[in-house]
N, C-alpha and C. Protein backbone atom coordinates (compact mmCIF):
# COMPACT_ATOMS: atom_id res chain seq x y z
N MET A 1 0.89 -1.23 -0.04
CA MET A 1 0.00 0.07 -0.01
C MET A 1 0.92 1.17 0.00
N THR A 2 0.54 2.21 -0.87
CA THR A 2 1.34 3.40 -0.95
C THR A 2 1.10 4.32 0.23
N ARG A 3 2.05 5.29 0.49
CA ARG A 3 1.93 6.12 1.67
C ARG A 3 0.99 7.28 1.22
N PRO A 4 0.17 7.79 2.25
CA PRO A 4 -0.80 8.88 1.90
C PRO A 4 -0.05 10.09 1.54
N THR A 5 -0.58 10.93 0.71
CA THR A 5 0.00 12.24 0.29
C THR A 5 -0.42 13.26 1.36
N ALA A 6 0.09 14.41 1.24
CA ALA A 6 -0.13 15.52 2.20
C ALA A 6 -1.57 16.00 1.94
N ALA A 7 -2.02 15.93 0.71
CA ALA A 7 -3.37 16.41 0.45
C ALA A 7 -4.40 15.38 1.12
N GLN A 8 -4.14 14.12 1.00
CA GLN A 8 -5.02 13.07 1.63
C GLN A 8 -5.04 13.21 3.20
N LEU A 9 -3.94 13.47 3.77
CA LEU A 9 -3.84 13.74 5.15
C LEU A 9 -4.62 14.96 5.67
N LEU A 10 -4.45 16.04 4.88
CA LEU A 10 -5.03 17.37 5.14
C LEU A 10 -6.53 17.22 5.05
N TYR A 11 -7.01 16.64 3.87
CA TYR A 11 -8.49 16.57 3.70
C TYR A 11 -9.16 15.62 4.57
N GLY A 12 -8.51 14.51 4.94
CA GLY A 12 -9.09 13.55 5.88
C GLY A 12 -9.11 14.11 7.30
N SER A 13 -8.10 14.77 7.76
CA SER A 13 -8.12 15.33 9.17
C SER A 13 -9.08 16.55 9.19
N ALA A 14 -9.21 17.35 8.17
CA ALA A 14 -10.15 18.46 8.27
C ALA A 14 -11.51 17.94 8.24
N THR A 15 -11.81 16.89 7.47
CA THR A 15 -13.15 16.34 7.43
C THR A 15 -13.51 15.78 8.76
N VAL A 16 -12.61 15.08 9.51
CA VAL A 16 -12.80 14.48 10.82
C VAL A 16 -13.18 15.64 11.83
N VAL A 17 -12.39 16.62 11.83
CA VAL A 17 -12.60 17.69 12.78
C VAL A 17 -13.94 18.43 12.52
N PHE A 18 -14.09 18.85 11.36
CA PHE A 18 -15.36 19.68 11.09
C PHE A 18 -16.58 18.94 11.13
N SER A 19 -16.54 17.67 10.66
CA SER A 19 -17.76 16.79 10.70
C SER A 19 -18.13 16.47 12.14
N THR A 20 -17.13 16.27 12.98
CA THR A 20 -17.29 15.94 14.45
C THR A 20 -17.93 17.19 15.04
N LEU A 21 -17.40 18.34 14.87
CA LEU A 21 -17.99 19.48 15.48
C LEU A 21 -19.40 19.77 14.97
N ALA A 22 -19.61 19.66 13.69
CA ALA A 22 -20.91 19.84 13.18
C ALA A 22 -21.99 18.91 13.71
N MET A 23 -21.67 17.59 13.76
CA MET A 23 -22.54 16.59 14.35
C MET A 23 -22.83 16.77 15.74
N LEU A 24 -21.81 17.19 16.53
CA LEU A 24 -22.03 17.33 17.92
C LEU A 24 -22.91 18.64 18.22
N LEU A 25 -22.72 19.61 17.46
CA LEU A 25 -23.52 20.85 17.62
C LEU A 25 -24.99 20.65 17.17
N LEU A 26 -25.11 19.92 15.95
CA LEU A 26 -26.44 19.69 15.50
C LEU A 26 -27.22 18.63 16.40
N SER A 27 -26.61 17.72 16.89
CA SER A 27 -27.34 16.65 17.66
C SER A 27 -27.57 17.00 19.14
N ARG A 28 -26.70 18.00 19.57
CA ARG A 28 -26.81 18.35 20.99
C ARG A 28 -26.80 17.16 21.97
N THR A 29 -25.99 16.15 21.62
CA THR A 29 -25.90 15.01 22.46
C THR A 29 -24.95 15.33 23.69
N SER A 30 -25.22 14.78 24.78
CA SER A 30 -24.31 14.83 25.89
C SER A 30 -24.06 13.43 26.51
N SER A 31 -24.50 12.44 25.94
CA SER A 31 -24.23 11.08 26.52
C SER A 31 -22.87 10.57 25.87
N GLY A 32 -22.22 9.74 26.62
CA GLY A 32 -20.95 9.20 26.12
C GLY A 32 -21.19 8.36 24.87
N VAL A 33 -22.27 7.57 24.84
CA VAL A 33 -22.50 6.68 23.70
C VAL A 33 -22.78 7.58 22.49
N GLY A 34 -23.51 8.61 22.61
CA GLY A 34 -23.87 9.50 21.48
C GLY A 34 -22.52 10.15 20.92
N VAL A 35 -21.64 10.54 21.82
CA VAL A 35 -20.43 11.25 21.35
C VAL A 35 -19.56 10.23 20.67
N ALA A 36 -19.53 8.89 21.22
CA ALA A 36 -18.72 7.88 20.56
C ALA A 36 -19.20 7.50 19.18
N VAL A 37 -20.53 7.49 19.04
CA VAL A 37 -21.07 7.22 17.76
C VAL A 37 -20.79 8.30 16.72
N ILE A 38 -20.81 9.58 17.16
CA ILE A 38 -20.50 10.65 16.22
C ILE A 38 -19.01 10.68 15.85
N VAL A 39 -18.15 10.32 16.85
CA VAL A 39 -16.71 10.33 16.54
C VAL A 39 -16.38 9.14 15.64
N VAL A 40 -16.99 8.03 15.82
CA VAL A 40 -16.68 6.84 14.83
C VAL A 40 -17.31 7.28 13.44
N ALA A 41 -18.43 7.92 13.36
CA ALA A 41 -18.97 8.24 12.08
C ALA A 41 -18.05 9.28 11.39
N ALA A 42 -17.42 10.26 12.18
CA ALA A 42 -16.63 11.29 11.63
C ALA A 42 -15.32 10.62 11.19
N LEU A 43 -14.76 9.71 11.83
CA LEU A 43 -13.50 8.96 11.45
C LEU A 43 -13.78 8.19 10.16
N ILE A 44 -14.90 7.53 10.04
CA ILE A 44 -15.23 6.82 8.78
C ILE A 44 -15.33 7.83 7.63
N LEU A 45 -15.99 8.88 7.85
CA LEU A 45 -16.17 9.89 6.82
C LEU A 45 -14.84 10.45 6.39
N GLY A 46 -13.96 10.77 7.35
CA GLY A 46 -12.72 11.28 7.07
C GLY A 46 -11.73 10.30 6.26
N LEU A 47 -11.97 8.98 6.55
CA LEU A 47 -11.15 7.96 5.86
C LEU A 47 -11.64 7.88 4.44
N LEU A 48 -12.95 7.97 4.29
CA LEU A 48 -13.55 7.88 2.92
C LEU A 48 -13.04 9.06 2.11
N VAL A 49 -13.05 10.27 2.68
CA VAL A 49 -12.61 11.45 1.93
C VAL A 49 -11.05 11.32 1.55
N ALA A 50 -10.28 10.88 2.53
CA ALA A 50 -8.88 10.69 2.30
C ALA A 50 -8.62 9.69 1.15
N VAL A 51 -9.37 8.68 1.07
CA VAL A 51 -9.12 7.60 0.11
C VAL A 51 -9.49 8.11 -1.31
N THR A 52 -10.60 8.89 -1.34
CA THR A 52 -11.07 9.39 -2.68
C THR A 52 -10.43 10.53 -3.21
N VAL A 53 -9.44 11.18 -2.48
CA VAL A 53 -8.65 12.27 -3.02
C VAL A 53 -7.77 11.63 -4.18
N PRO A 54 -7.69 12.29 -5.27
CA PRO A 54 -6.86 11.69 -6.39
C PRO A 54 -5.41 11.66 -6.12
N MET A 55 -4.91 10.47 -6.39
CA MET A 55 -3.40 10.33 -6.21
C MET A 55 -2.62 11.00 -7.38
N PRO A 56 -1.40 11.41 -7.07
CA PRO A 56 -0.64 12.15 -8.29
C PRO A 56 -0.26 10.90 -9.21
N LYS A 57 -0.35 11.21 -10.52
CA LYS A 57 0.10 10.24 -11.56
C LYS A 57 1.59 10.08 -11.56
N PRO A 58 2.12 8.91 -11.79
CA PRO A 58 3.56 8.76 -11.89
C PRO A 58 4.02 9.30 -13.26
N ALA A 59 5.21 9.68 -13.19
CA ALA A 59 5.92 10.33 -14.50
C ALA A 59 5.91 9.33 -15.50
N ARG A 60 5.48 9.73 -16.72
CA ARG A 60 5.50 8.80 -17.85
C ARG A 60 6.81 8.94 -18.58
N GLN A 61 7.19 7.80 -19.03
CA GLN A 61 8.42 7.68 -19.81
C GLN A 61 8.16 8.10 -21.27
N ALA A 62 9.10 8.76 -21.92
CA ALA A 62 8.89 9.12 -23.34
C ALA A 62 9.09 7.92 -24.19
N ASP A 63 8.24 7.70 -25.21
CA ASP A 63 8.31 6.59 -26.13
C ASP A 63 9.01 6.91 -27.34
N PRO A 64 10.29 6.55 -27.53
CA PRO A 64 11.01 6.97 -28.75
C PRO A 64 10.35 6.56 -30.04
N ALA A 65 9.66 5.41 -29.99
CA ALA A 65 9.00 4.90 -31.20
C ALA A 65 7.70 5.66 -31.48
N GLY A 66 7.14 6.42 -30.48
CA GLY A 66 5.96 7.12 -30.66
C GLY A 66 6.05 8.51 -31.18
N GLY A 67 7.24 8.87 -31.74
CA GLY A 67 7.40 10.12 -32.47
C GLY A 67 7.90 11.19 -31.49
N GLN A 68 8.46 10.83 -30.30
CA GLN A 68 9.08 11.80 -29.48
C GLN A 68 10.56 11.74 -29.50
N GLU A 69 11.26 12.82 -29.28
CA GLU A 69 12.70 12.86 -29.21
C GLU A 69 13.10 12.16 -27.92
N PRO A 70 14.09 11.16 -27.93
CA PRO A 70 14.39 10.56 -26.74
C PRO A 70 15.03 11.53 -25.66
N GLY A 71 14.60 11.53 -24.47
CA GLY A 71 15.13 12.27 -23.32
C GLY A 71 14.57 13.68 -23.17
N THR A 72 13.79 14.21 -24.24
CA THR A 72 13.22 15.50 -24.10
C THR A 72 11.83 15.49 -23.78
N GLY A 73 11.03 14.51 -24.13
CA GLY A 73 9.61 14.46 -23.89
C GLY A 73 8.89 15.36 -24.97
N ARG A 74 9.60 15.88 -26.01
CA ARG A 74 8.85 16.70 -27.02
C ARG A 74 8.77 15.93 -28.26
N THR A 75 7.65 16.23 -29.02
CA THR A 75 7.50 15.54 -30.31
C THR A 75 8.53 16.01 -31.29
N ALA A 76 8.96 15.10 -32.02
CA ALA A 76 9.94 15.40 -33.10
C ALA A 76 9.34 16.30 -34.15
N ALA A 77 10.08 17.29 -34.51
CA ALA A 77 9.61 18.33 -35.61
C ALA A 77 9.55 17.64 -36.94
N THR A 78 8.53 17.90 -37.69
CA THR A 78 8.45 17.40 -39.04
C THR A 78 9.03 18.50 -40.07
N THR A 79 9.69 18.07 -41.10
CA THR A 79 10.16 18.83 -42.15
C THR A 79 9.31 18.91 -43.32
N ASP A 80 8.24 18.18 -43.30
CA ASP A 80 7.38 18.17 -44.49
C ASP A 80 6.38 19.33 -44.45
N ALA A 81 6.41 20.27 -45.34
CA ALA A 81 5.60 21.39 -45.39
C ALA A 81 4.13 21.07 -45.71
N SER A 82 3.93 19.85 -46.25
CA SER A 82 2.54 19.51 -46.53
C SER A 82 1.79 19.03 -45.30
N ALA A 83 2.51 18.69 -44.23
CA ALA A 83 1.90 18.42 -42.95
C ALA A 83 1.35 19.58 -42.20
N ALA A 84 1.70 20.82 -42.51
CA ALA A 84 1.25 21.99 -41.84
C ALA A 84 -0.18 22.28 -42.20
N PRO A 85 -0.85 23.06 -41.20
CA PRO A 85 -2.23 23.28 -41.38
C PRO A 85 -2.34 24.26 -42.68
N PRO A 86 -3.46 24.35 -43.37
CA PRO A 86 -3.69 25.31 -44.38
C PRO A 86 -3.45 26.65 -43.98
N GLY A 87 -2.88 27.52 -44.72
CA GLY A 87 -2.77 28.96 -44.38
C GLY A 87 -1.44 29.25 -43.57
N LEU A 88 -0.80 28.23 -43.09
CA LEU A 88 0.41 28.44 -42.29
C LEU A 88 1.68 28.48 -43.18
N ARG A 89 2.42 29.51 -42.97
CA ARG A 89 3.60 29.60 -43.85
C ARG A 89 4.70 28.88 -43.16
N VAL A 90 5.38 27.98 -43.95
CA VAL A 90 6.52 27.27 -43.33
C VAL A 90 7.70 27.67 -44.04
N PRO A 91 8.84 28.09 -43.28
CA PRO A 91 10.07 28.52 -44.06
C PRO A 91 10.69 27.39 -44.72
N ALA A 92 11.35 27.64 -45.85
CA ALA A 92 12.08 26.69 -46.50
C ALA A 92 13.34 26.21 -45.74
N PRO A 93 13.88 25.01 -45.96
CA PRO A 93 15.03 24.63 -45.27
C PRO A 93 16.26 25.43 -45.76
N THR A 94 17.20 25.71 -44.93
CA THR A 94 18.35 26.53 -45.30
C THR A 94 19.53 25.53 -45.43
N ALA A 95 20.47 25.85 -46.21
CA ALA A 95 21.63 25.08 -46.45
C ALA A 95 22.62 25.25 -45.32
N ARG A 96 23.13 24.15 -44.81
CA ARG A 96 23.98 24.17 -43.61
C ARG A 96 25.42 24.01 -44.09
N THR A 97 26.28 24.56 -43.35
CA THR A 97 27.68 24.40 -43.69
C THR A 97 28.21 23.04 -43.29
N ALA A 98 29.23 22.66 -43.86
CA ALA A 98 29.75 21.27 -43.58
C ALA A 98 30.40 21.32 -42.26
N PRO A 99 30.38 20.20 -41.44
CA PRO A 99 30.98 20.15 -40.21
C PRO A 99 32.48 20.52 -40.16
N ALA A 100 33.19 20.30 -41.14
CA ALA A 100 34.62 20.68 -41.15
C ALA A 100 34.76 22.17 -41.16
N GLU A 101 33.88 22.94 -41.73
CA GLU A 101 33.96 24.33 -41.80
C GLU A 101 33.61 24.98 -40.39
N ARG A 102 32.81 24.25 -39.58
CA ARG A 102 32.42 24.83 -38.31
C ARG A 102 33.32 24.37 -37.15
N VAL A 103 34.40 23.68 -37.37
CA VAL A 103 35.18 23.19 -36.28
C VAL A 103 35.75 24.31 -35.50
N GLY A 104 36.46 25.31 -36.18
CA GLY A 104 37.09 26.40 -35.51
C GLY A 104 36.17 27.58 -35.25
N GLY A 105 34.86 27.43 -35.42
CA GLY A 105 34.05 28.52 -35.26
C GLY A 105 33.32 28.73 -33.89
N HIS A 106 33.95 28.15 -32.86
CA HIS A 106 33.44 28.33 -31.50
C HIS A 106 33.82 29.64 -30.97
N SER A 107 32.91 30.18 -30.32
CA SER A 107 33.05 31.60 -29.79
C SER A 107 34.10 31.76 -28.79
N LEU A 108 34.42 30.68 -28.01
CA LEU A 108 35.41 30.80 -26.92
C LEU A 108 36.84 30.47 -27.42
N ARG A 109 36.92 29.94 -28.57
CA ARG A 109 38.29 29.50 -29.16
C ARG A 109 38.53 30.21 -30.42
N GLY A 110 38.29 31.56 -30.43
CA GLY A 110 38.37 32.48 -31.57
C GLY A 110 39.71 32.44 -32.17
């Protein structure tokens, strides 16, 4: 069983406290049995509230076969201009320099 989150503890505790106070004030009971029944009912209600608080979803792993770039979680960009929505202007691909020409072009090693 997983550990409860802070939200579950907070909502469950607040439910127990406020529902106990509300039931005690509305019922105006003074007997020990009446108070015990109200406390048990408030604990059950608090447990139900704590259990129904949504749990955080675990982080999903990127699927490299599903069109995402590995390690980035982003969808790979398409270069096909026909895949763009109608009316959207897509710039033409530019010519890149050869890797040998870029070797000495680093800004720190001028």
